[in-house]
Amino acid sequence: MAWSNDTYLIGERIRVEGERDLGIVTRLDTQRGLIYVMFKRQREEAYTYPESLENETLQPLVAKRI
């Protein structure tokens, strides 16, 4: 499997605007333009990709990008 520049987000914590708790990025669907975030109690939400990252609706908490 070839890793692209954006797959480093999978498994990382992410802050979502309007949500109290942090979420975890579970999937990146570049063909459909969606990023999936898992919250507590197994609630998974889909957000538009990459628009939600660009307008800072989603803020990744990545300490170091390799």
PDB file of N, CA and C in Angstrom:
ATOM      1  N   MET A   1       0.847  -1.174   0.000  1.00  0.00           N
ATOM      2  CA  MET A   1       0.000   0.000   0.000  1.00  0.00           C
ATOM      3  C   MET A   1       0.892   1.235   0.000  1.00  0.00           C
ATOM      4  N   ALA A   2       0.651   2.126  -0.897  1.00  0.00           N
ATOM      5  CA  ALA A   2       1.431   3.354  -0.974  1.00  0.00           C
ATOM      6  C   ALA A   2       0.820   4.410  -0.062  1.00  0.00           C
ATOM      7  N   TRP A   3       1.652   5.027   0.751  1.00  0.00           N
ATOM      8  CA  TRP A   3       1.193   6.059   1.673  1.00  0.00           C
ATOM      9  C   TRP A   3       1.311   7.410   1.005  1.00  0.00           C
ATOM     10  N   SER A   4       0.235   8.156   1.030  1.00  0.00           N
ATOM     11  CA  SER A   4       0.263   9.503   0.466  1.00  0.00           C
ATOM     12  C   SER A   4       0.600  10.500   1.562  1.00  0.00           C
ATOM     13  N   ASN A   5       0.640  11.751   1.229  1.00  0.00           N
ATOM     14  CA  ASN A   5       0.982  12.784   2.198  1.00  0.00           C
ATOM     15  C   ASN A   5      -0.096  12.974   3.249  1.00  0.00           C
ATOM     16  N   ASP A   6      -1.323  12.582   2.979  1.00  0.00           N
ATOM     17  CA  ASP A   6      -2.433  12.834   3.901  1.00  0.00           C
ATOM     18  C   ASP A   6      -2.748  11.663   4.818  1.00  0.00           C
ATOM     19  N   THR A   7      -2.189  10.497   4.570  1.00  0.00           N
ATOM     20  CA  THR A   7      -2.542   9.350   5.397  1.00  0.00           C
ATOM     21  C   THR A   7      -1.933   9.420   6.781  1.00  0.00           C
ATOM     22  N   TYR A   8      -1.067  10.382   7.038  1.00  0.00           N
ATOM     23  CA  TYR A   8      -0.519  10.524   8.384  1.00  0.00           C
ATOM     24  C   TYR A   8      -1.606  10.906   9.383  1.00  0.00           C
ATOM     25  N   LEU A   9      -2.756  11.385   8.912  1.00  0.00           N
ATOM     26  CA  LEU A   9      -3.859  11.779   9.794  1.00  0.00           C
ATOM     27  C   LEU A   9      -4.589  10.590  10.401  1.00  0.00           C
ATOM     28  N   ILE A  10      -4.542   9.442   9.758  1.00  0.00           N
ATOM     29  CA  ILE A  10      -5.276   8.276  10.240  1.00  0.00           C
ATOM     30  C   ILE A  10      -4.713   7.844  11.591  1.00  0.00           C
ATOM     31  N   GLY A  11      -5.588   7.746  12.587  1.00  0.00           N
ATOM     32  CA  GLY A  11      -5.199   7.354  13.928  1.00  0.00           C
ATOM     33  C   GLY A  11      -4.811   8.519  14.817  1.00  0.00           C
ATOM     34  N   GLU A  12      -4.809   9.725  14.285  1.00  0.00           N
ATOM     35  CA  GLU A  12      -4.430  10.892  15.076  1.00  0.00           C
ATOM     36  C   GLU A  12      -5.647  11.520  15.747  1.00  0.00           C
ATOM     37  N   ARG A  13      -5.399  12.167  16.886  1.00  0.00           N
ATOM     38  CA  ARG A  13      -6.466  12.895  17.572  1.00  0.00           C
ATOM     39  C   ARG A  13      -6.776  14.163  16.785  1.00  0.00           C
ATOM     40  N   ILE A  14      -8.036  14.589  16.852  1.00  0.00           N
ATOM     41  CA  ILE A  14      -8.456  15.762  16.099  1.00  0.00           C
ATOM     42  C   ILE A  14      -9.510  16.523  16.903  1.00  0.00           C
ATOM     43  N   ARG A  15      -9.405  17.836  16.870  1.00  0.00           N
ATOM     44  CA  ARG A  15     -10.377  18.693  17.547  1.00  0.00           C
ATOM     45  C   ARG A  15     -11.400  19.138  16.498  1.00  0.00           C
ATOM     46  N   VAL A  16     -12.684  18.996  16.847  1.00  0.00           N
ATOM     47  CA  VAL A  16     -13.766  19.340  15.930  1.00  0.00           C
ATOM     48  C   VAL A  16     -14.517  20.532  16.499  1.00  0.00           C
ATOM     49  N   GLU A  17     -14.744  21.517  15.638  1.00  0.00           N
ATOM     50  CA  GLU A  17     -15.468  22.723  16.043  1.00  0.00           C
ATOM     51  C   GLU A  17     -16.890  22.352  16.447  1.00  0.00           C
ATOM     52  N   GLY A  18     -17.305  22.800  17.625  1.00  0.00           N
ATOM     53  CA  GLY A  18     -18.658  22.522  18.107  1.00  0.00           C
ATOM     54  C   GLY A  18     -18.781  21.241  18.908  1.00  0.00           C
ATOM     55  N   GLU A  19     -17.696  20.469  19.022  1.00  0.00           N
ATOM     56  CA  GLU A  19     -17.718  19.230  19.805  1.00  0.00           C
ATOM     57  C   GLU A  19     -16.935  19.437  21.089  1.00  0.00           C
ATOM     58  N   ARG A  20     -17.401  18.821  22.153  1.00  0.00           N
ATOM     59  CA  ARG A  20     -16.756  18.969  23.451  1.00  0.00           C
ATOM     60  C   ARG A  20     -15.513  18.087  23.565  1.00  0.00           C
ATOM     61  N   ASP A  21     -15.616  16.861  23.074  1.00  0.00           N
ATOM     62  CA  ASP A  21     -14.527  15.895  23.205  1.00  0.00           C
ATOM     63  C   ASP A  21     -13.705  15.826  21.926  1.00  0.00           C
ATOM     64  N   LEU A  22     -12.489  15.300  22.060  1.00  0.00           N
ATOM     65  CA  LEU A  22     -11.638  15.066  20.898  1.00  0.00           C
ATOM     66  C   LEU A  22     -12.097  13.815  20.174  1.00  0.00           C
ATOM     67  N   GLY A  23     -11.774  13.731  18.902  1.00  0.00           N
ATOM     68  CA  GLY A  23     -12.089  12.552  18.111  1.00  0.00           C
ATOM     69  C   GLY A  23     -10.823  11.940  17.554  1.00  0.00           C
ATOM     70  N   ILE A  24     -10.972  10.782  16.922  1.00  0.00           N
ATOM     71  CA  ILE A  24      -9.871  10.080  16.285  1.00  0.00           C
ATOM     72  C   ILE A  24     -10.230   9.893  14.815  1.00  0.00           C
ATOM     73  N   VAL A  25      -9.305  10.206  13.920  1.00  0.00           N
ATOM     74  CA  VAL A  25      -9.527  10.014  12.490  1.00  0.00           C
ATOM     75  C   VAL A  25      -9.437   8.518  12.206  1.00  0.00           C
ATOM     76  N   THR A  26     -10.504   7.955  11.633  1.00  0.00           N
ATOM     77  CA  THR A  26     -10.516   6.522  11.361  1.00  0.00           C
ATOM     78  C   THR A  26     -10.288   6.201   9.894  1.00  0.00           C
ATOM     79  N   ARG A  27     -10.840   7.011   8.993  1.00  0.00           N
ATOM     80  CA  ARG A  27     -10.713   6.733   7.558  1.00  0.00           C
ATOM     81  C   ARG A  27     -10.599   8.025   6.776  1.00  0.00           C
ATOM     82  N   LEU A  28      -9.948   7.942   5.632  1.00  0.00           N
ATOM     83  CA  LEU A  28      -9.859   9.039   4.682  1.00  0.00           C
ATOM     84  C   LEU A  28     -10.317   8.502   3.331  1.00  0.00           C
ATOM     85  N   ASP A  29     -11.427   8.979   2.834  1.00  0.00           N
ATOM     86  CA  ASP A  29     -11.948   8.552   1.546  1.00  0.00           C
ATOM     87  C   ASP A  29     -11.752   9.697   0.556  1.00  0.00           C
ATOM     88  N   THR A  30     -10.637   9.669  -0.167  1.00  0.00           N
ATOM     89  CA  THR A  30     -10.311  10.771  -1.074  1.00  0.00           C
ATOM     90  C   THR A  30     -11.185  10.759  -2.324  1.00  0.00           C
ATOM     91  N   GLN A  31     -11.677   9.598  -2.730  1.00  0.00           N
ATOM     92  CA  GLN A  31     -12.533   9.533  -3.920  1.00  0.00           C
ATOM     93  C   GLN A  31     -13.872  10.214  -3.681  1.00  0.00           C
ATOM     94  N   ARG A  32     -14.442  10.026  -2.514  1.00  0.00           N
ATOM     95  CA  ARG A  32     -15.719  10.665  -2.173  1.00  0.00           C
ATOM     96  C   ARG A  32     -15.533  12.023  -1.521  1.00  0.00           C
ATOM     97  N   GLY A  33     -14.322  12.324  -1.073  1.00  0.00           N
ATOM     98  CA  GLY A  33     -14.049  13.593  -0.419  1.00  0.00           C
ATOM     99  C   GLY A  33     -14.559  13.646   1.006  1.00  0.00           C
ATOM    100  N   LEU A  34     -14.324  12.561   1.771  1.00  0.00           N
ATOM    101  CA  LEU A  34     -14.804  12.487   3.150  1.00  0.00           C
ATOM    102  C   LEU A  34     -13.681  12.082   4.092  1.00  0.00           C
ATOM    103  N   ILE A  35     -13.749  12.608   5.312  1.00  0.00           N
ATOM    104  CA  ILE A  35     -12.865  12.199   6.396  1.00  0.00           C
ATOM    105  C   ILE A  35     -13.775  11.769   7.547  1.00  0.00           C
ATOM    106  N   TYR A  36     -13.512  10.597   8.104  1.00  0.00           N
ATOM    107  CA  TYR A  36     -14.363  10.040   9.144  1.00  0.00           C
ATOM    108  C   TYR A  36     -13.684  10.192  10.497  1.00  0.00           C
ATOM    109  N   VAL A  37     -14.451  10.678  11.479  1.00  0.00           N
ATOM    110  CA  VAL A  37     -13.941  10.912  12.826  1.00  0.00           C
ATOM    111  C   VAL A  37     -14.792  10.115  13.809  1.00  0.00           C
ATOM    112  N   MET A  38     -14.113   9.342  14.675  1.00  0.00           N
ATOM    113  CA  MET A  38     -14.783   8.526  15.690  1.00  0.00           C
ATOM    114  C   MET A  38     -14.718   9.256  17.027  1.00  0.00           C
ATOM    115  N   PHE A  39     -15.871   9.360  17.682  1.00  0.00           N
ATOM    116  CA  PHE A  39     -15.971   9.989  18.993  1.00  0.00           C
ATOM    117  C   PHE A  39     -16.261   8.921  20.033  1.00  0.00           C
ATOM    118  N   LYS A  40     -16.395   9.339  21.279  1.00  0.00           N
ATOM    119  CA  LYS A  40     -16.735   8.407  22.348  1.00  0.00           C
ATOM    120  C   LYS A  40     -18.076   7.745  22.054  1.00  0.00           C
ATOM    121  N   ARG A  41     -18.261   6.602  22.668  1.00  0.00           N
ATOM    122  CA  ARG A  41     -19.494   5.817  22.521  1.00  0.00           C
ATOM    123  C   ARG A  41     -19.736   5.366  21.085  1.00  0.00           C
ATOM    124  N   GLN A  42     -18.653   5.173  20.351  1.00  0.00           N
ATOM    125  CA  GLN A  42     -18.693   4.615  18.996  1.00  0.00           C
ATOM    126  C   GLN A  42     -19.520   5.433  18.018  1.00  0.00           C
ATOM    127  N   ARG A  43     -19.518   6.747  18.178  1.00  0.00           N
ATOM    128  CA  ARG A  43     -20.228   7.624  17.242  1.00  0.00           C
ATOM    129  C   ARG A  43     -19.237   8.090  16.191  1.00  0.00           C
ATOM    130  N   GLU A  44     -19.549   7.822  14.929  1.00  0.00           N
ATOM    131  CA  GLU A  44     -18.663   8.194  13.830  1.00  0.00           C
ATOM    132  C   GLU A  44     -19.356   9.233  12.945  1.00  0.00           C
ATOM    133  N   GLU A  45     -18.654  10.317  12.652  1.00  0.00           N
ATOM    134  CA  GLU A  45     -19.180  11.394  11.820  1.00  0.00           C
ATOM    135  C   GLU A  45     -18.296  11.543  10.587  1.00  0.00           C
ATOM    136  N   ALA A  46     -18.913  11.930   9.483  1.00  0.00           N
ATOM    137  CA  ALA A  46     -18.182  12.177   8.241  1.00  0.00           C
ATOM    138  C   ALA A  46     -18.167  13.678   7.963  1.00  0.00           C
ATOM    139  N   TYR A  47     -17.006  14.178   7.568  1.00  0.00           N
ATOM    140  CA  TYR A  47     -16.833  15.585   7.239  1.00  0.00           C
ATOM    141  C   TYR A  47     -16.228  15.682   5.845  1.00  0.00           C
ATOM    142  N   THR A  48     -16.457  16.812   5.195  1.00  0.00           N
ATOM    143  CA  THR A  48     -15.906  16.995   3.851  1.00  0.00           C
ATOM    144  C   THR A  48     -14.391  17.126   3.924  1.00  0.00           C
ATOM    145  N   TYR A  49     -13.749  16.564   2.925  1.00  0.00           N
ATOM    146  CA  TYR A  49     -12.294  16.572   2.865  1.00  0.00           C
ATOM    147  C   TYR A  49     -11.867  17.143   1.529  1.00  0.00           C
ATOM    148  N   PRO A  50     -10.973  18.038   1.455  1.00  0.00           N
ATOM    149  CA  PRO A  50     -10.130  18.699   2.448  1.00  0.00           C
ATOM    150  C   PRO A  50     -10.690  20.033   2.946  1.00  0.00           C
ATOM    151  N   GLU A  51     -11.920  20.374   2.566  1.00  0.00           N
ATOM    152  CA  GLU A  51     -12.492  21.673   2.940  1.00  0.00           C
ATOM    153  C   GLU A  51     -12.562  21.874   4.448  1.00  0.00           C
ATOM    154  N   SER A  52     -12.931  20.832   5.191  1.00  0.00           N
ATOM    155  CA  SER A  52     -13.071  20.976   6.635  1.00  0.00           C
ATOM    156  C   SER A  52     -11.718  21.212   7.319  1.00  0.00           C
ATOM    157  N   LEU A  53     -10.633  20.739   6.729  1.00  0.00           N
ATOM    158  CA  LEU A  53      -9.308  21.027   7.275  1.00  0.00           C
ATOM    159  C   LEU A  53      -8.868  22.441   6.916  1.00  0.00           C
ATOM    160  N   GLU A  54      -9.205  22.889   5.714  1.00  0.00           N
ATOM    161  CA  GLU A  54      -8.793  24.211   5.258  1.00  0.00           C
ATOM    162  C   GLU A  54      -9.517  25.331   5.999  1.00  0.00           C
ATOM    163  N   ASN A  55     -10.818  25.156   6.276  1.00  0.00           N
ATOM    164  CA  ASN A  55     -11.549  26.204   6.993  1.00  0.00           C
ATOM    165  C   ASN A  55     -11.513  25.997   8.506  1.00  0.00           C
ATOM    166  N   GLU A  56     -10.664  25.074   8.971  1.00  0.00           N
ATOM    167  CA  GLU A  56     -10.380  24.802  10.381  1.00  0.00           C
ATOM    168  C   GLU A  56     -11.588  24.337  11.184  1.00  0.00           C
ATOM    169  N   THR A  57     -12.538  23.662  10.532  1.00  0.00           N
ATOM    170  CA  THR A  57     -13.582  22.961  11.265  1.00  0.00           C
ATOM    171  C   THR A  57     -12.955  21.788  12.002  1.00  0.00           C
ATOM    172  N   LEU A  58     -11.999  21.139  11.355  1.00  0.00           N
ATOM    173  CA  LEU A  58     -11.213  20.062  11.955  1.00  0.00           C
ATOM    174  C   LEU A  58      -9.794  20.561  12.167  1.00  0.00           C
ATOM    175  N   GLN A  59      -9.284  20.380  13.378  1.00  0.00           N
ATOM    176  CA  GLN A  59      -7.919  20.812  13.707  1.00  0.00           C
ATOM    177  C   GLN A  59      -7.135  19.606  14.224  1.00  0.00           C
ATOM    178  N   PRO A  60      -6.254  19.034  13.387  1.00  0.00           N
ATOM    179  CA  PRO A  60      -5.473  17.877  13.835  1.00  0.00           C
ATOM    180  C   PRO A  60      -4.502  18.255  14.937  1.00  0.00           C
ATOM    181  N   LEU A  61      -4.333  17.370  15.891  1.00  0.00           N
ATOM    182  CA  LEU A  61      -3.403  17.564  16.996  1.00  0.00           C
ATOM    183  C   LEU A  61      -2.190  16.673  16.769  1.00  0.00           C
ATOM    184  N   VAL A  62      -1.449  16.954  15.719  1.00  0.00           N
ATOM    185  CA  VAL A  62      -0.281  16.174  15.345  1.00  0.00           C
ATOM    186  C   VAL A  62       0.946  16.902  15.868  1.00  0.00           C
ATOM    187  N   ALA A  63       1.732  16.209  16.692  1.00  0.00           N
ATOM    188  CA  ALA A  63       2.909  16.829  17.280  1.00  0.00           C
ATOM    189  C   ALA A  63       4.030  16.950  16.253  1.00  0.00           C
ATOM    190  N   LYS A  64       4.244  15.896  15.468  1.00  0.00           N
ATOM    191  CA  LYS A  64       5.349  15.901  14.515  1.00  0.00           C
ATOM    192  C   LYS A  64       4.947  15.121  13.277  1.00  0.00           C
ATOM    193  N   ARG A  65       5.014  15.759  12.128  1.00  0.00           N
ATOM    194  CA  ARG A  65       4.705  15.088  10.870  1.00  0.00           C
ATOM    195  C   ARG A  65       5.997  14.587  10.259  1.00  0.00           C
ATOM    196  N   ILE A  66       6.072  13.294  10.023  1.00  0.00           N
ATOM    197  CA  ILE A  66       7.293  12.684   9.485  1.00  0.00           C
ATOM    198  C   ILE A  66       7.258  12.715   7.982  1.00  0.00           C
TER     199      ILE A  66
END
